Amino acid sequence: MQPFVHETRATRVVFGPGSRRFLPRELDQLGVRRALVLTTSEQTELGQEIAAILGDRCTGVLDSAVMHVPIEVTRSAIDAARRLGADGCVAAGGGSTIGLAKAIALESDLPIVVLPTTYAGSEMTPLYGITDDGIKKTGRDWRVVPRTVIYDPELTLTLPTPLSMTSGMNAIAHAAEALYARDGTPVYSLMAEEGIRALAHALPRLREAPTDLDARGDAQYGTWLCGTALGNVQMGLHHKLCHTLGGSFNLPHAEVHTVILPHALTYNANAASQAMSRIARALGRPQAVAGLLALGRSLGVPQSLRELGMPADALDRAADLVVQTPYPNPRPLERGAIRVLLQRAYEGVEPG
C-alpha cells in the first residue's frame, strides 16, 4: 500500500427534514448566546425564519452576502458582528453566505453554524476565498471550518431545479479532485467515490421530482461526503481554474464548476488513471469523462463558458492567471494546454 497520513478534524453534522428546529440546542453545545444570522438579499425571508427560531439570542440578520466574497463586504460584516456583540454566526444559505461566515471566522475566531441551502459542500472544508481588486485569493485555515452543519433538506426546496443541478455537479467536482490529490488517503477516496455515486443517483431523481425530500436528502448526503473529502486534501487544476474564472470575471460559481470539470478531468486523465476508474465506477459508466458529460446532458446543465458570460477576449488573461502560482496537480500546469482547455470550455465542445 502507498504510504499516507490520515487526519480527522471534527465537525458535528445533523441530518434530517426539519432539523433546523435543533438550532438552539446546537448553539447551546457551543456556548453561543448572541448569534448573528448571515444570508443573502435573495434569502432575507429565510434569515428571518432562522432569527425567529433563535428568538432573543439572535443579534440581527445580515443579508449582505454576495458571490465570491468581496473584501469590502467582508470588512463590513466583521464590523457588524463586533458592533452587535455577536459571539457566533449562523449562516443560512449557499456558498456565498458560507464564504462570508468563513471570512468573519478567519478574522474574529467566532464559531460558525451552517444550514446549507445548496449542494456546494463548502460547509465541510477549511477552504476560503476573498476577492480583492478583481483577484480571488484562496486559502486553507481550520479556524474557518463550521463547528456544526445542519443538513435540512426542506431548506433546499426553494433552490430552483437548474441551480440544484449545477450545485450538485459542483460537489461532484470536489470529490473528483480529491480522488487524485497527492495527499489523499484511502478513507477520503472511499468518501469521494461514494459521494459521487450518491449525487449521480440523486440529481436525476431530483430533476424529475423537485419536491422529493428523499432525493434532496440523498443529494445532501453526497454533498457532505464530497465536501469532507475535498476539505482534507489539496485541490488541483480544476479548482484553480474555477476560482480564477469566478473571482476575476465574476462568473457564477456552481455553473463554472459544471462547465470546467470534464475539461479538467481530461487534462489530468493520463496522469490519474486510477482516479478516472473510480469516477467511472461511481457514475456507473465505462469511462469517467464520457459518463460525466452524459450525466450533465441528462440534467440540462450549461455546457460552455460563453453561456455564463465569459468574455472571449479574456481567455488569454485567464490562462496567464492560472499558471502564475504553482498548484499541486497530477499533470504539470502548462500554459499552452490550459489555454486550449479554456477555448474548448468557452465554445462548449467536448474535451479534447
Protein backbone atom coordinates (compact mmCIF):
# COMPACT_ATOMS: atom_id res chain seq x y z
CA MET A 1 0.00 0.00 0.00
CA GLN A 2 1.18 3.51 -0.79
CA PRO A 3 2.26 5.38 2.38
CA PHE A 4 -0.15 8.04 3.60
CA VAL A 5 -1.05 10.21 6.61
CA HIS A 6 -4.70 10.37 7.63
CA GLU A 7 -6.04 13.09 9.93
CA THR A 8 -9.61 13.69 11.04
CA ARG A 9 -10.99 17.06 12.13
CA ALA A 10 -14.30 17.19 13.99
CA THR A 11 -17.42 18.91 12.67
CA ARG A 12 -20.75 17.97 14.18
CA VAL A 13 -23.25 17.05 11.45
CA VAL A 14 -27.02 16.93 11.95
CA PHE A 15 -29.19 15.37 9.21
CA GLY A 16 -32.93 15.21 8.62
CA PRO A 17 -36.06 17.01 7.40
CA GLY A 18 -36.98 19.81 9.82
CA SER A 19 -33.65 19.56 11.65
CA ARG A 20 -33.32 23.37 11.68
CA ARG A 21 -35.52 23.24 14.79
CA PHE A 22 -32.50 21.84 16.65
CA LEU A 23 -30.51 25.04 16.09
CA PRO A 24 -30.94 26.35 19.68
CA ARG A 25 -29.68 23.01 21.03
CA GLU A 26 -26.64 23.14 18.76
CA LEU A 27 -25.81 26.69 19.84
CA ASP A 28 -26.13 25.62 23.48
CA GLN A 29 -23.48 22.96 22.87
CA LEU A 30 -21.14 25.64 21.54
CA GLY A 31 -21.95 28.13 24.30
CA VAL A 32 -23.19 30.70 21.78
CA ARG A 33 -25.58 33.23 23.33
CA ARG A 34 -25.60 36.05 20.78
CA ALA A 35 -25.71 34.79 17.19
CA LEU A 36 -25.57 36.92 14.06
CA VAL A 37 -27.59 35.37 11.21
CA LEU A 38 -25.99 35.67 7.76
CA THR A 39 -27.69 35.27 4.40
CA THR A 40 -28.09 36.96 1.01
CA SER A 41 -30.58 39.63 0.00
CA GLU A 42 -32.44 36.98 -2.02
CA GLN A 43 -32.83 34.84 1.12
CA THR A 44 -33.82 37.50 3.64
CA GLU A 45 -37.04 35.63 4.39
CA LEU A 46 -35.03 32.54 5.33
CA GLY A 47 -32.82 34.68 7.55
CA GLN A 48 -35.90 35.97 9.35
CA GLU A 49 -37.17 32.40 9.82
CA ILE A 50 -33.87 31.38 11.39
CA ALA A 51 -33.94 34.50 13.57
CA ALA A 52 -37.42 33.52 14.81
CA ILE A 53 -36.13 30.06 15.77
CA LEU A 54 -33.32 31.70 17.74
CA GLY A 55 -35.53 34.24 19.48
CA ASP A 56 -33.77 36.57 21.91
CA ARG A 57 -30.34 35.11 21.24
CA CYS A 58 -30.35 36.49 17.65
CA THR A 59 -28.45 39.79 17.48
CA GLY A 60 -29.67 40.56 13.96
CA VAL A 61 -29.90 39.38 10.35
CA LEU A 62 -27.19 40.49 7.93
CA ASP A 63 -28.29 39.82 4.35
CA SER A 64 -25.27 41.27 2.54
CA ALA A 65 -23.54 38.05 1.39
CA VAL A 66 -22.71 38.06 -2.32
CA MET A 67 -20.84 35.83 -4.74
CA HIS A 68 -17.04 35.45 -4.38
CA VAL A 69 -16.90 37.31 -1.01
CA PRO A 70 -15.70 40.82 -1.96
CA ILE A 71 -13.31 42.17 0.65
CA GLU A 72 -15.41 45.29 1.28
CA VAL A 73 -18.44 43.12 2.15
CA THR A 74 -16.25 41.07 4.47
CA ARG A 75 -14.98 44.13 6.32
CA SER A 76 -18.48 45.50 6.76
CA ALA A 77 -19.74 42.16 8.11
CA ILE A 78 -16.86 41.88 10.59
CA ASP A 79 -17.64 45.40 11.83
CA ALA A 80 -21.31 44.49 12.22
CA ALA A 81 -20.52 41.34 14.21
CA ARG A 82 -18.32 43.34 16.58
CA ARG A 83 -20.80 46.19 16.91
CA LEU A 84 -23.65 43.80 17.74
CA GLY A 85 -21.58 41.85 20.23
CA ALA A 86 -22.05 38.52 18.43
CA ASP A 87 -20.29 35.50 19.92
CA GLY A 88 -21.13 33.26 16.95
CA CYS A 89 -22.55 33.26 13.42
CA VAL A 90 -25.34 31.23 11.85
CA ALA A 91 -25.01 31.05 8.06
CA ALA A 92 -28.21 30.10 6.24
CA GLY A 93 -27.65 29.77 2.51
CA GLY A 94 -25.23 28.58 -0.13
CA GLY A 95 -21.61 29.17 -0.98
CA SER A 96 -21.80 32.96 -0.87
CA THR A 97 -23.22 33.03 2.65
CA ILE A 98 -20.93 30.28 3.92
CA GLY A 99 -17.97 32.07 2.36
CA LEU A 100 -18.83 35.27 4.22
CA ALA A 101 -19.15 33.37 7.50
CA LYS A 102 -15.72 31.83 6.93
CA ALA A 103 -14.20 35.25 6.25
CA ILE A 104 -15.64 36.53 9.54
CA ALA A 105 -14.30 33.50 11.41
CA LEU A 106 -10.86 33.97 9.87
CA GLU A 107 -10.64 37.46 11.33
CA SER A 108 -12.56 37.03 14.59
CA ASP A 109 -12.39 33.31 15.53
CA LEU A 110 -16.18 33.31 16.04
CA PRO A 111 -17.70 29.80 15.81
CA ILE A 112 -19.91 29.12 12.78
CA VAL A 113 -23.07 27.04 12.49
CA VAL A 114 -24.24 26.44 8.90
CA LEU A 115 -27.60 25.49 7.42
CA PRO A 116 -26.82 24.82 3.72
CA THR A 117 -29.47 25.51 1.09
CA THR A 118 -27.39 24.24 -1.86
CA TYR A 119 -25.17 21.25 -2.58
CA ALA A 120 -21.87 23.11 -2.87
CA GLY A 121 -20.21 21.31 0.05
CA SER A 122 -18.07 24.25 1.17
CA GLU A 123 -19.55 23.89 4.65
CA MET A 124 -17.29 20.86 5.21
CA THR A 125 -14.00 22.43 4.16
CA PRO A 126 -11.31 24.68 5.69
CA LEU A 127 -11.08 26.48 2.35
CA TYR A 128 -11.95 30.13 1.99
CA GLY A 129 -11.80 32.75 -0.73
CA ILE A 130 -11.90 36.56 -0.63
CA THR A 131 -11.94 38.72 -3.76
CA ASP A 132 -9.85 41.87 -3.66
CA ASP A 133 -9.38 44.16 -6.68
CA GLY A 134 -10.71 41.54 -9.10
CA ILE A 135 -8.46 38.73 -7.83
CA LYS A 136 -9.91 35.90 -5.75
CA LYS A 137 -7.39 34.89 -3.13
CA THR A 138 -7.96 31.47 -1.62
CA GLY A 139 -6.54 29.82 1.44
CA ARG A 140 -6.86 26.96 3.90
CA ASP A 141 -7.31 27.51 7.62
CA TRP A 142 -9.05 25.22 10.11
CA ARG A 143 -10.37 28.24 12.00
CA VAL A 144 -12.97 28.77 9.26
CA VAL A 145 -14.48 25.28 9.40
CA PRO A 146 -18.07 25.38 10.72
CA ARG A 147 -18.38 23.81 14.15
CA THR A 148 -21.81 22.38 13.31
CA VAL A 149 -23.60 21.76 10.00
CA ILE A 150 -27.35 21.17 9.94
CA TYR A 151 -28.49 19.42 6.76
CA ASP A 152 -32.23 20.03 6.49
CA PRO A 153 -33.47 19.00 3.01
CA GLU A 154 -36.55 21.19 3.48
CA LEU A 155 -34.27 24.22 3.23
CA THR A 156 -33.26 23.24 -0.30
CA LEU A 157 -36.84 23.23 -1.63
CA THR A 158 -36.56 26.88 -2.69
CA LEU A 159 -33.42 26.21 -4.73
CA PRO A 160 -34.53 26.24 -8.39
CA THR A 161 -34.06 22.94 -10.17
CA PRO A 162 -31.41 24.23 -12.63
CA LEU A 163 -29.34 25.57 -9.72
CA SER A 164 -29.80 22.29 -7.86
CA MET A 165 -28.25 20.50 -10.83
CA THR A 166 -25.20 22.76 -11.12
CA SER A 167 -24.76 22.85 -7.35
CA GLY A 168 -24.68 19.05 -7.31
CA MET A 169 -22.17 18.97 -10.16
CA ASN A 170 -20.04 21.40 -8.15
CA ALA A 171 -19.99 18.88 -5.29
CA ILE A 172 -19.03 16.08 -7.68
CA ALA A 173 -16.08 18.23 -8.76
CA HIS A 174 -14.85 18.34 -5.16
CA ALA A 175 -14.80 14.56 -4.95
CA ALA A 176 -13.21 14.12 -8.37
CA GLU A 177 -10.22 16.24 -7.38
CA ALA A 178 -9.97 14.51 -4.01
CA LEU A 179 -9.51 11.19 -5.84
CA TYR A 180 -6.25 12.33 -7.45
CA ALA A 181 -4.96 14.61 -4.69
CA ARG A 182 -1.33 13.85 -3.91
CA ASP A 183 -2.08 13.92 -0.15
CA GLY A 184 -5.20 11.75 -0.44
CA THR A 185 -5.87 8.73 1.77
CA PRO A 186 -7.86 5.51 1.28
CA VAL A 187 -10.57 6.76 3.65
CA TYR A 188 -11.10 10.05 1.83
CA SER A 189 -11.04 8.25 -1.51
CA LEU A 190 -13.86 5.99 -0.29
CA MET A 191 -15.84 9.03 0.80
CA ALA A 192 -15.23 10.78 -2.52
CA GLU A 193 -16.35 7.80 -4.62
CA GLU A 194 -19.46 7.24 -2.51
CA GLY A 195 -20.25 10.96 -2.68
CA ILE A 196 -20.13 10.94 -6.48
CA ARG A 197 -22.30 7.81 -6.57
CA ALA A 198 -24.90 9.32 -4.23
CA LEU A 199 -25.16 12.56 -6.22
CA ALA A 200 -25.20 10.82 -9.60
CA HIS A 201 -28.24 8.85 -8.41
CA ALA A 202 -29.96 11.69 -6.52
CA LEU A 203 -29.76 14.50 -9.09
CA PRO A 204 -31.80 12.82 -11.87
CA ARG A 205 -34.50 11.95 -9.32
CA LEU A 206 -34.48 15.50 -8.02
CA ARG A 207 -34.84 16.87 -11.54
CA GLU A 208 -37.86 14.67 -12.19
CA ALA A 209 -39.47 15.37 -8.81
CA PRO A 210 -38.16 18.66 -7.33
CA THR A 211 -40.15 18.28 -4.09
CA ASP A 212 -38.87 14.75 -3.35
CA LEU A 213 -37.27 15.16 0.09
CA ASP A 214 -35.65 11.72 -0.12
CA ALA A 215 -33.83 12.74 -3.30
CA ARG A 216 -32.82 16.05 -1.74
CA GLY A 217 -31.64 14.29 1.40
CA ASP A 218 -29.59 11.84 -0.67
CA ALA A 219 -28.06 14.79 -2.51
CA GLN A 220 -27.11 16.36 0.81
CA TYR A 221 -25.57 13.07 1.92
CA GLY A 222 -23.44 13.03 -1.23
CA THR A 223 -22.55 16.69 -0.73
CA TRP A 224 -21.39 16.01 2.83
CA LEU A 225 -19.07 13.23 1.65
CA CYS A 226 -17.70 15.20 -1.31
CA GLY A 227 -17.07 18.30 0.79
CA THR A 228 -15.41 16.32 3.56
CA ALA A 229 -13.09 14.60 1.10
CA LEU A 230 -12.04 17.84 -0.55
CA GLY A 231 -11.66 19.66 2.76
CA ASN A 232 -8.96 17.27 3.90
CA VAL A 233 -6.79 17.15 0.77
CA GLN A 234 -5.22 19.65 -1.61
CA MET A 235 -7.10 20.98 -4.62
CA GLY A 236 -5.82 20.70 -8.18
CA LEU A 237 -6.20 22.36 -11.56
CA HIS A 238 -9.99 22.22 -11.64
CA HIS A 239 -10.43 24.39 -8.56
CA LYS A 240 -7.61 26.69 -9.61
CA LEU A 241 -9.41 27.32 -12.91
CA CYS A 242 -12.79 27.85 -11.28
CA HIS A 243 -11.53 30.26 -8.62
CA THR A 244 -9.70 32.25 -11.29
CA LEU A 245 -12.68 32.41 -13.65
CA GLY A 246 -15.18 33.15 -10.90
CA GLY A 247 -13.21 35.70 -8.93
CA SER A 248 -11.58 37.56 -11.82
CA PHE A 249 -14.54 37.58 -14.24
CA ASN A 250 -17.47 37.38 -11.80
CA LEU A 251 -18.88 34.19 -13.27
CA PRO A 252 -21.42 32.11 -11.30
CA HIS A 253 -19.60 29.65 -9.06
CA ALA A 254 -21.50 26.37 -9.45
CA GLU A 255 -22.03 26.83 -13.18
CA VAL A 256 -18.30 27.40 -13.76
CA HIS A 257 -17.50 24.18 -11.89
CA THR A 258 -20.06 22.36 -14.01
CA VAL A 259 -18.60 23.54 -17.32
CA ILE A 260 -14.93 23.15 -16.40
CA LEU A 261 -14.99 19.73 -14.71
CA PRO A 262 -14.95 17.44 -17.79
CA HIS A 263 -12.19 19.55 -19.35
CA ALA A 264 -10.06 19.48 -16.19
CA LEU A 265 -10.52 15.72 -15.87
CA THR A 266 -9.47 15.25 -19.49
CA TYR A 267 -6.35 17.34 -18.85
CA ASN A 268 -5.40 15.08 -15.94
CA ALA A 269 -6.71 11.74 -17.23
CA ASN A 270 -3.41 10.16 -18.34
CA ALA A 271 -1.70 11.17 -15.10
CA ALA A 272 -4.51 9.94 -12.83
CA SER A 273 -5.84 6.73 -14.36
CA GLN A 274 -6.88 5.15 -11.05
CA ALA A 275 -8.94 8.20 -10.12
CA MET A 276 -10.62 8.11 -13.53
CA SER A 277 -11.56 4.45 -12.99
CA ARG A 278 -13.11 5.24 -9.62
CA ILE A 279 -15.07 8.19 -11.02
CA ALA A 280 -16.39 6.00 -13.85
CA ARG A 281 -17.40 3.31 -11.37
CA ALA A 282 -19.21 5.85 -9.17
CA LEU A 283 -21.10 7.17 -12.21
CA GLY A 284 -21.97 3.65 -13.33
CA ARG A 285 -20.32 4.32 -16.69
CA PRO A 286 -17.39 2.71 -18.53
CA GLN A 287 -15.46 5.98 -18.82
CA ALA A 288 -15.20 8.94 -16.44
CA VAL A 289 -15.35 11.96 -18.75
CA ALA A 290 -17.94 10.45 -21.10
CA GLY A 291 -20.02 9.45 -18.09
CA LEU A 292 -19.81 12.93 -16.64
CA LEU A 293 -20.80 14.52 -19.94
CA ALA A 294 -23.76 12.14 -20.23
CA LEU A 295 -24.87 13.00 -16.71
CA GLY A 296 -24.60 16.71 -17.43
CA ARG A 297 -26.65 16.43 -20.61
CA SER A 298 -29.35 14.47 -18.78
CA LEU A 299 -29.52 17.20 -16.14
CA GLY A 300 -29.67 20.06 -18.64
CA VAL A 301 -26.70 21.93 -17.17
CA PRO A 302 -24.68 24.62 -19.01
CA GLN A 303 -22.05 23.33 -21.43
CA SER A 304 -19.93 26.40 -22.18
CA LEU A 305 -18.27 29.40 -20.59
CA ARG A 306 -19.85 31.52 -23.32
CA GLU A 307 -23.27 30.77 -21.82
CA LEU A 308 -22.06 32.06 -18.47
CA GLY A 309 -20.91 35.44 -19.81
CA MET A 310 -17.17 34.81 -20.08
CA PRO A 311 -15.60 37.40 -22.42
CA ALA A 312 -13.85 35.73 -25.36
CA ASP A 313 -11.03 38.28 -25.24
CA ALA A 314 -10.28 37.42 -21.59
CA LEU A 315 -9.21 33.80 -22.16
CA ASP A 316 -5.54 34.71 -22.55
CA ARG A 317 -5.56 36.63 -19.26
CA ALA A 318 -7.30 33.73 -17.54
CA ALA A 319 -4.62 31.30 -18.74
CA ASP A 320 -1.90 33.66 -17.50
CA LEU A 321 -3.53 33.96 -14.07
CA VAL A 322 -3.89 30.19 -13.68
CA VAL A 323 -0.17 29.50 -14.18
CA GLN A 324 1.11 32.43 -12.13
CA THR A 325 1.06 30.45 -8.87
CA PRO A 326 2.22 26.82 -8.55
CA TYR A 327 -0.58 24.40 -7.73
CA PRO A 328 -0.46 20.69 -6.88
CA ASN A 329 -1.83 18.71 -9.81
CA PRO A 330 -1.20 15.24 -11.31
CA ARG A 331 -0.05 16.85 -14.56
CA PRO A 332 2.13 19.98 -14.55
CA LEU A 333 0.34 23.22 -15.37
CA GLU A 334 1.23 24.04 -18.98
CA ARG A 335 0.11 27.45 -20.17
CA GLY A 336 -0.46 26.41 -23.80
CA ALA A 337 -2.51 23.33 -22.91
CA ILE A 338 -4.55 25.30 -20.38
CA ARG A 339 -5.28 27.97 -22.99
CA VAL A 340 -6.58 25.25 -25.32
CA LEU A 341 -8.67 23.82 -22.46
CA LEU A 342 -10.21 27.24 -21.83
CA GLN A 343 -11.00 27.72 -25.52
CA ARG A 344 -12.81 24.39 -25.72
CA ALA A 345 -14.70 25.13 -22.49
CA TYR A 346 -15.63 28.55 -23.85
CA GLU A 347 -17.02 27.08 -27.06
CA GLY A 348 -18.72 24.16 -25.31
CA VAL A 349 -17.10 21.49 -27.46
CA GLU A 350 -16.24 18.11 -25.95
CA PRO A 351 -12.88 17.96 -24.17
CA GLY A 352 -10.03 17.09 -26.49
